[in-house]
């Protein structure tokens, strides 16, 4: 709701133009920000609201939307678990990537994601069924079967 007020204010500034009371940098900023807010933010919001990642353990499929990813586990090149790292001042937790030979990373699940435990369970199952998907020691160690698997 707040951004609606901001957009209306910027549209008014663009519509009224840069009068004597309006500094020209403000008018230029309005012309840059209005398309950004009007075009980019709704699309970004739609993407965030509709984003879904489904790792179907039983059916052996990876589905992600939007993006139109629907591939079988037999099409994957590798399962990769990345250790926690620091990027700038941000600390990233564990990440599980599903890699396709042509499309690259088709899905990534982070430790902070709600479905982390389930994704790890599905990846463990796939690693057991297709050991060639696991190519490095970190991934092998993390995806090793646990006593409850």
Protein backbone atom coordinates (compact mmCIF):
# COMPACT_ATOMS: atom_id res chain seq x y z
CA UNK A 1 0.00 0.00 0.00
CA UNK A 2 2.88 2.33 0.77
CA UNK A 3 4.32 1.96 -2.71
CA UNK A 4 0.95 2.99 -4.22
CA UNK A 5 1.31 6.37 -2.49
CA UNK A 6 4.88 6.67 -3.68
CA UNK A 7 3.87 5.88 -7.27
CA UNK A 8 1.01 8.41 -7.14
CA UNK A 9 3.40 11.07 -5.90
CA UNK A 10 5.93 10.27 -8.61
CA UNK A 11 3.24 10.20 -11.30
CA UNK A 12 2.10 13.64 -10.13
CA UNK A 13 5.66 14.90 -10.36
CA UNK A 14 6.06 13.47 -13.86
CA UNK A 15 2.65 14.79 -14.97
CA UNK A 16 3.19 18.29 -13.61
CA UNK A 17 6.71 18.40 -14.95
CA UNK A 18 9.66 20.18 -13.49
CA UNK A 19 8.34 23.62 -12.62
CA UNK A 20 10.37 26.34 -11.01
CA UNK A 21 9.71 24.89 -7.56
CA UNK A 22 10.77 21.38 -8.61
CA UNK A 23 14.50 20.69 -8.81
CA UNK A 24 15.43 19.07 -12.12
CA UNK A 25 17.14 16.05 -10.46
CA UNK A 26 13.80 15.23 -8.80
CA UNK A 27 12.02 15.27 -12.16
CA UNK A 28 14.69 13.04 -13.73
CA UNK A 29 14.50 10.66 -10.76
CA UNK A 30 10.72 10.52 -11.15
CA UNK A 31 11.00 9.63 -14.84
CA UNK A 32 13.39 6.81 -13.90
CA UNK A 33 11.50 5.55 -10.84
CA UNK A 34 7.94 5.53 -12.22
CA UNK A 35 8.62 2.88 -14.89
CA UNK A 36 10.62 0.89 -12.35
CA UNK A 37 7.84 0.94 -9.76
CA UNK A 38 4.96 0.50 -12.19
CA UNK A 39 6.51 -2.24 -14.33
CA UNK A 40 9.11 -4.08 -12.29
CA UNK A 41 7.61 -4.28 -8.80
CA UNK A 42 4.33 -5.98 -9.79
CA UNK A 43 6.21 -8.57 -11.85
CA UNK A 44 8.62 -9.18 -8.97
CA UNK A 45 5.73 -9.48 -6.54
CA UNK A 46 3.97 -11.95 -8.84
CA UNK A 47 7.14 -14.05 -9.08
CA UNK A 48 7.57 -14.12 -5.31
CA UNK A 49 3.93 -15.03 -4.68
CA UNK A 50 3.78 -17.77 -7.32
CA UNK A 51 7.25 -19.33 -6.82
CA UNK A 52 7.01 -23.05 -6.16
CA UNK A 53 9.65 -25.76 -6.00
CA UNK A 54 8.52 -29.37 -5.82
CA UNK A 55 11.00 -32.19 -5.42
CA UNK A 56 8.94 -35.32 -5.99
CA UNK A 57 10.86 -38.08 -4.25
CA UNK A 58 8.57 -40.91 -5.27
CA UNK A 59 8.08 -39.78 -8.86
CA UNK A 60 11.68 -38.65 -9.31
CA UNK A 61 10.82 -35.21 -10.71
CA UNK A 62 11.93 -31.62 -10.13
CA UNK A 63 9.27 -28.99 -10.82
CA UNK A 64 9.78 -25.26 -10.45
CA UNK A 65 7.45 -22.46 -11.43
CA UNK A 66 7.57 -19.87 -12.71
CA UNK A 67 10.34 -20.91 -15.02
CA UNK A 68 8.81 -24.00 -16.53
CA UNK A 69 11.26 -26.51 -15.05
CA UNK A 70 9.88 -30.04 -15.05
CA UNK A 71 12.63 -32.62 -15.38
CA UNK A 72 13.24 -36.12 -14.14
CA UNK A 73 16.01 -37.03 -11.74
CA UNK A 74 17.48 -39.17 -14.53
CA UNK A 75 18.13 -35.93 -16.49
CA UNK A 76 20.17 -34.34 -13.68
CA UNK A 77 23.93 -34.09 -13.94
CA UNK A 78 24.72 -33.69 -10.25
CA UNK A 79 23.46 -33.06 -6.74
CA UNK A 80 25.74 -30.55 -5.05
CA UNK A 81 25.75 -29.48 -1.41
CA UNK A 82 27.57 -26.20 -0.82
CA UNK A 83 28.99 -25.46 2.62
CA UNK A 84 28.13 -22.29 4.54
CA UNK A 85 30.07 -19.26 3.33
CA UNK A 86 30.38 -15.53 3.84
CA UNK A 87 29.51 -13.17 0.99
CA UNK A 88 30.41 -9.63 1.96
CA UNK A 89 28.94 -9.34 5.43
CA UNK A 90 26.15 -11.82 4.76
CA UNK A 91 26.47 -15.36 6.00
CA UNK A 92 24.98 -18.01 3.75
CA UNK A 93 24.00 -21.36 5.18
CA UNK A 94 24.10 -24.77 3.55
CA UNK A 95 22.70 -24.96 0.02
CA UNK A 96 21.56 -27.90 -2.08
CA UNK A 97 21.79 -27.43 -5.84
CA UNK A 98 20.29 -29.64 -8.52
CA UNK A 99 22.33 -29.30 -11.70
CA UNK A 100 21.31 -30.11 -15.25
CA UNK A 101 23.95 -30.62 -17.98
CA UNK A 102 22.45 -27.94 -20.26
CA UNK A 103 20.37 -25.67 -18.01
CA UNK A 104 22.88 -25.47 -15.16
CA UNK A 105 21.38 -25.04 -11.68
CA UNK A 106 17.68 -25.85 -12.11
CA UNK A 107 16.85 -25.63 -8.41
CA UNK A 108 18.50 -24.50 -5.21
CA UNK A 109 17.25 -25.01 -1.68
CA UNK A 110 18.86 -23.09 1.16
CA UNK A 111 19.14 -24.16 4.78
CA UNK A 112 16.95 -21.21 5.77
CA UNK A 113 14.13 -22.32 3.41
CA UNK A 114 11.02 -23.85 4.89
CA UNK A 115 11.42 -27.06 2.85
CA UNK A 116 15.11 -27.67 3.65
CA UNK A 117 14.62 -30.88 5.67
CA UNK A 118 12.27 -32.40 3.11
CA UNK A 119 14.56 -31.44 0.19
CA UNK A 120 17.51 -32.99 1.97
CA UNK A 121 15.51 -36.19 2.49
CA UNK A 122 14.55 -36.34 -1.19
CA UNK A 123 18.16 -35.64 -2.25
CA UNK A 124 19.36 -38.45 0.04
CA UNK A 125 16.92 -40.83 -1.60
CA UNK A 126 18.04 -39.78 -5.08
CA UNK A 127 21.72 -40.09 -4.05
CA UNK A 128 21.06 -43.65 -2.85
CA UNK A 129 19.25 -44.56 -6.07
CA UNK A 130 21.73 -42.80 -8.37
CA UNK A 131 25.16 -42.58 -6.67
CA UNK A 132 26.75 -41.10 -9.83
CA UNK A 133 24.93 -37.82 -9.09
CA UNK A 134 27.18 -37.27 -6.06
CA UNK A 135 30.60 -36.11 -7.22
CA UNK A 136 32.32 -34.45 -4.26
CA UNK A 137 33.11 -35.35 -0.65
CA UNK A 138 31.04 -32.59 0.98
CA UNK A 139 27.92 -33.70 -0.88
CA UNK A 140 28.67 -37.37 -0.18
CA UNK A 141 29.06 -36.66 3.55
CA UNK A 142 25.87 -34.56 3.83
CA UNK A 143 23.73 -36.89 1.73
CA UNK A 144 24.97 -40.05 3.45
CA UNK A 145 22.03 -42.05 4.79
CA UNK A 146 21.04 -41.24 8.34
CA UNK A 147 19.70 -43.83 10.81
CA UNK A 148 16.12 -42.63 10.19
CA UNK A 149 16.35 -42.79 6.35
